[in-house]
């Protein structure tokens, strides 16, 4: 089964960001399911987690509900990340969530980017803000994202948005298929193993088995 997590950074209720996230989830279920692959999706709404996210930034310790969101994301095969845009960038809450996310959680994970905004002027948020951040986090970012302005949800422009969602979902479904099911990384075990290997390296000049000029070993 392919496990998807949708992170929705909408700040209001109702939220156009959550609406776009739901449209993307529906399209992905159809595209992935067409290949006879079972798919499940979990939505992480950031608005109810706003206080735990800020507390984690200040204390370094996530609350239980934030830890549960981290666990869901760590075991996912793919991530759909949707944020509202402000001044041509993602929202502060969206950024803070990924700031406190444990290191390597989404390493090697396929990610689809999406964003909403008041006008088309914010559309560069996908390439100028989101793609660099997810690349820094070692994710595998889908080439096709979706930006939706407020007017795109109007009835006379809904078909254009639907086409963009369909195209992005097709590309992401192919990326998921090529990457396959993902094994979560255990960073703690990896670091411990690396430290053990380092400690087991022979120390220079400490072998003690080289014979001296009289034929006896130096001890």
Protein backbone atom coordinates (compact mmCIF):
# COMPACT_ATOMS: atom_id res chain seq x y z
CA UNK A 1 0.00 0.00 0.00
CA UNK A 2 1.21 3.49 -0.87
CA UNK A 3 0.91 5.81 2.12
CA UNK A 4 0.46 9.51 1.46
CA UNK A 5 0.53 12.38 3.92
CA UNK A 6 -1.04 15.72 2.98
CA UNK A 7 0.24 18.68 4.99
CA UNK A 8 -2.20 21.57 4.76
CA UNK A 9 -0.99 24.92 6.07
CA UNK A 10 -4.28 26.79 5.77
CA UNK A 11 -4.81 29.45 8.42
CA UNK A 12 -8.56 30.00 8.17
CA UNK A 13 -11.75 27.96 8.25
CA UNK A 14 -12.94 27.31 5.63
CA UNK A 15 -9.59 27.30 3.84
CA UNK A 16 -8.85 27.42 0.12
CA UNK A 17 -5.55 25.73 0.99
CA UNK A 18 -7.37 22.76 2.48
CA UNK A 19 -9.74 22.75 -0.50
CA UNK A 20 -6.79 22.49 -2.89
CA UNK A 21 -5.25 19.77 -0.72
CA UNK A 22 -8.48 17.75 -0.91
CA UNK A 23 -8.63 18.12 -4.70
CA UNK A 24 -5.04 16.90 -4.98
CA UNK A 25 -5.70 13.94 -2.69
CA UNK A 26 -8.72 12.90 -4.75
CA UNK A 27 -6.74 13.13 -8.00
CA UNK A 28 -3.85 11.13 -6.55
CA UNK A 29 -6.11 8.38 -5.27
CA UNK A 30 -7.49 8.06 -8.80
CA UNK A 31 -4.08 8.11 -10.52
CA UNK A 32 -2.32 5.73 -8.14
CA UNK A 33 -5.35 3.46 -7.90
CA UNK A 34 -5.48 3.20 -11.69
CA UNK A 35 -2.23 1.20 -11.49
CA UNK A 36 -3.94 -1.35 -9.18
CA UNK A 37 -2.04 0.00 -6.17
CA UNK A 38 -3.81 0.54 -2.87
CA UNK A 39 -3.36 4.02 -1.50
CA UNK A 40 -4.15 5.62 1.84
CA UNK A 41 -3.85 9.26 2.79
CA UNK A 42 -3.58 11.13 6.07
CA UNK A 43 -4.14 14.87 6.37
CA UNK A 44 -2.09 16.93 8.80
CA UNK A 45 -3.74 20.29 9.42
CA UNK A 46 -1.20 22.77 10.77
CA UNK A 47 -3.69 25.30 12.15
CA UNK A 48 -4.63 23.18 15.21
CA UNK A 49 -0.92 22.47 15.76
CA UNK A 50 0.14 26.12 15.75
CA UNK A 51 0.77 26.36 19.50
CA UNK A 52 2.61 22.99 19.77
CA UNK A 53 4.78 23.99 16.79
CA UNK A 54 5.81 27.26 18.41
CA UNK A 55 6.34 25.54 21.77
CA UNK A 56 8.61 23.01 20.04
CA UNK A 57 10.62 25.84 18.50
CA UNK A 58 11.09 27.47 21.92
CA UNK A 59 11.73 24.36 24.00
CA UNK A 60 13.05 21.81 21.51
CA UNK A 61 10.49 19.23 22.67
CA UNK A 62 7.36 18.38 20.64
CA UNK A 63 4.04 17.80 22.37
CA UNK A 64 2.23 14.49 21.89
CA UNK A 65 -0.01 15.71 19.08
CA UNK A 66 2.95 17.13 17.16
CA UNK A 67 4.95 13.96 17.74
CA UNK A 68 2.05 11.98 16.24
CA UNK A 69 2.16 14.19 13.13
CA UNK A 70 5.92 13.59 12.85
CA UNK A 71 5.39 9.83 13.13
CA UNK A 72 2.74 9.84 10.39
CA UNK A 73 5.06 11.73 8.08
CA UNK A 74 8.07 9.54 8.87
CA UNK A 75 6.24 6.38 7.76
CA UNK A 76 4.78 7.88 4.57
CA UNK A 77 5.80 6.98 1.02
CA UNK A 78 4.97 10.43 -0.32
CA UNK A 79 4.13 13.94 0.83
CA UNK A 80 1.76 16.52 -0.61
CA UNK A 81 2.62 19.90 0.90
CA UNK A 82 0.15 22.78 0.47
CA UNK A 83 0.66 26.27 1.85
CA UNK A 84 -0.95 29.68 1.54
CA UNK A 85 1.45 32.29 0.16
CA UNK A 86 2.33 35.62 1.69
CA UNK A 87 4.65 38.15 0.03
CA UNK A 88 5.75 35.55 -2.55
CA UNK A 89 6.72 32.95 0.06
CA UNK A 90 5.15 30.23 2.20
CA UNK A 91 3.39 31.00 5.46
CA UNK A 92 5.36 31.26 8.68
CA UNK A 93 3.42 28.38 10.24
CA UNK A 94 4.22 26.13 7.28
CA UNK A 95 7.94 26.97 7.55
CA UNK A 96 7.98 26.52 11.32
CA UNK A 97 6.52 23.02 10.99
CA UNK A 98 9.38 21.93 8.75
CA UNK A 99 11.87 23.77 10.96
CA UNK A 100 10.96 21.57 13.96
CA UNK A 101 10.52 18.37 11.94
CA UNK A 102 13.20 15.87 13.01
CA UNK A 103 16.22 15.69 10.73
CA UNK A 104 16.00 13.34 7.72
CA UNK A 105 12.26 12.67 8.25
CA UNK A 106 11.49 13.33 4.57
CA UNK A 107 14.89 12.40 3.17
CA UNK A 108 14.44 10.55 -0.18
CA UNK A 109 10.67 11.07 0.04
CA UNK A 110 8.71 12.11 -3.10
CA UNK A 111 7.07 15.49 -2.51
CA UNK A 112 4.42 17.36 -4.47
CA UNK A 113 4.28 21.11 -3.92
CA UNK A 114 1.12 23.21 -4.02
CA UNK A 115 0.18 26.69 -2.91
CA UNK A 116 -2.71 29.13 -2.84
CA UNK A 117 -2.77 32.91 -2.93
CA UNK A 118 -4.86 35.94 -3.61
CA UNK A 119 -3.44 36.63 -7.07
CA UNK A 120 -1.27 34.98 -9.71
CA UNK A 121 1.65 37.18 -8.63
CA UNK A 122 2.45 34.74 -5.82
CA UNK A 123 2.84 31.74 -8.14
CA UNK A 124 6.64 31.84 -7.99
CA UNK A 125 6.40 30.62 -4.40
CA UNK A 126 6.63 27.07 -5.79
CA UNK A 127 10.02 27.50 -7.44
CA UNK A 128 11.58 30.29 -5.39
CA UNK A 129 10.63 29.16 -1.88
CA UNK A 130 9.20 25.65 -1.66
CA UNK A 131 11.48 23.77 -4.06
CA UNK A 132 14.72 25.06 -2.44
CA UNK A 133 13.45 24.17 1.03
CA UNK A 134 12.45 20.62 0.13
CA UNK A 135 15.67 20.11 -1.82
CA UNK A 136 17.58 21.20 1.29
CA UNK A 137 15.63 18.59 3.28
CA UNK A 138 16.82 15.93 0.77
CA UNK A 139 13.34 15.22 -0.56
CA UNK A 140 12.67 14.16 -4.15
CA UNK A 141 10.57 17.01 -5.44
CA UNK A 142 8.07 16.39 -8.23
CA UNK A 143 8.71 18.55 -11.30
CA UNK A 144 5.09 19.72 -11.46
CA UNK A 145 3.45 21.74 -8.71
CA UNK A 146 0.07 23.45 -8.51
CA UNK A 147 -0.61 27.08 -7.70
CA UNK A 148 -4.19 28.25 -7.30
CA UNK A 149 -5.22 31.89 -7.01
CA UNK A 150 -8.55 32.87 -5.47
CA UNK A 151 -10.15 33.31 -8.89
CA UNK A 152 -9.12 29.78 -9.91
CA UNK A 153 -11.80 28.38 -7.62
CA UNK A 154 -14.53 30.32 -9.44
CA UNK A 155 -16.82 28.24 -11.63
CA UNK A 156 -15.63 29.76 -14.90
CA UNK A 157 -11.98 28.87 -14.18
CA UNK A 158 -12.45 25.61 -12.32
CA UNK A 159 -11.77 23.51 -15.41
CA UNK A 160 -8.33 25.05 -15.87
CA UNK A 161 -7.43 24.32 -12.25
CA UNK A 162 -8.72 20.76 -12.61
CA UNK A 163 -6.47 20.22 -15.63
CA UNK A 164 -3.42 21.48 -13.73
CA UNK A 165 -4.26 19.25 -10.78
CA UNK A 166 -4.68 16.26 -13.08
CA UNK A 167 -1.32 16.88 -14.78
CA UNK A 168 0.48 17.32 -11.46
CA UNK A 169 -1.16 14.19 -10.03
CA UNK A 170 -0.08 12.16 -13.07
CA UNK A 171 3.52 13.27 -12.72
CA UNK A 172 3.55 12.61 -8.99
CA UNK A 173 1.99 9.17 -9.42
CA UNK A 174 4.80 8.24 -11.82
CA UNK A 175 7.36 9.55 -9.34
CA UNK A 176 5.83 7.47 -6.55
CA UNK A 177 5.88 4.39 -8.76
CA UNK A 178 9.53 4.86 -9.72
CA UNK A 179 10.61 5.45 -6.12
CA UNK A 180 8.61 2.56 -4.71
CA UNK A 181 7.71 2.01 -1.07
CA UNK A 182 9.95 3.95 1.26
CA UNK A 183 11.82 2.59 4.26
CA UNK A 184 11.97 5.25 6.99
CA UNK A 185 15.49 6.24 7.99
CA UNK A 186 16.63 5.58 11.55
CA UNK A 187 19.06 8.47 11.98
CA UNK A 188 19.93 7.50 15.56
CA UNK A 189 20.96 3.97 14.52
CA UNK A 190 22.90 5.30 11.53
CA UNK A 191 24.85 7.74 13.69
CA UNK A 192 25.49 5.07 16.34
CA UNK A 193 26.76 2.64 13.70
CA UNK A 194 29.05 5.30 12.23
CA UNK A 195 30.43 6.07 15.70
CA UNK A 196 31.03 2.38 16.40
CA UNK A 197 32.91 2.01 13.14
CA UNK A 198 35.00 5.05 13.99
CA UNK A 199 35.86 3.69 17.43
CA UNK A 200 36.84 0.31 15.96
CA UNK A 201 39.37 1.79 13.52
CA UNK A 202 42.97 0.76 14.36
CA UNK A 203 44.93 3.61 15.88
CA UNK A 204 48.07 4.70 14.07
CA UNK A 205 51.21 3.51 15.85
CA UNK A 206 49.24 1.40 18.33
CA UNK A 207 49.42 -2.00 16.63
CA UNK A 208 52.35 -3.06 18.82
CA UNK A 209 53.22 -6.04 16.61
CA UNK A 210 56.10 -4.63 14.61
CA UNK A 211 59.34 -6.42 15.52
CA UNK A 212 62.30 -4.27 16.62
CA UNK A 213 65.84 -4.68 15.38
CA UNK A 214 66.40 -7.60 17.82
CA UNK A 215 63.42 -9.48 16.41
CA UNK A 216 61.15 -8.99 19.41
CA UNK A 217 57.78 -7.33 19.15
CA UNK A 218 57.30 -3.84 20.57
CA UNK A 219 54.69 -3.80 23.27
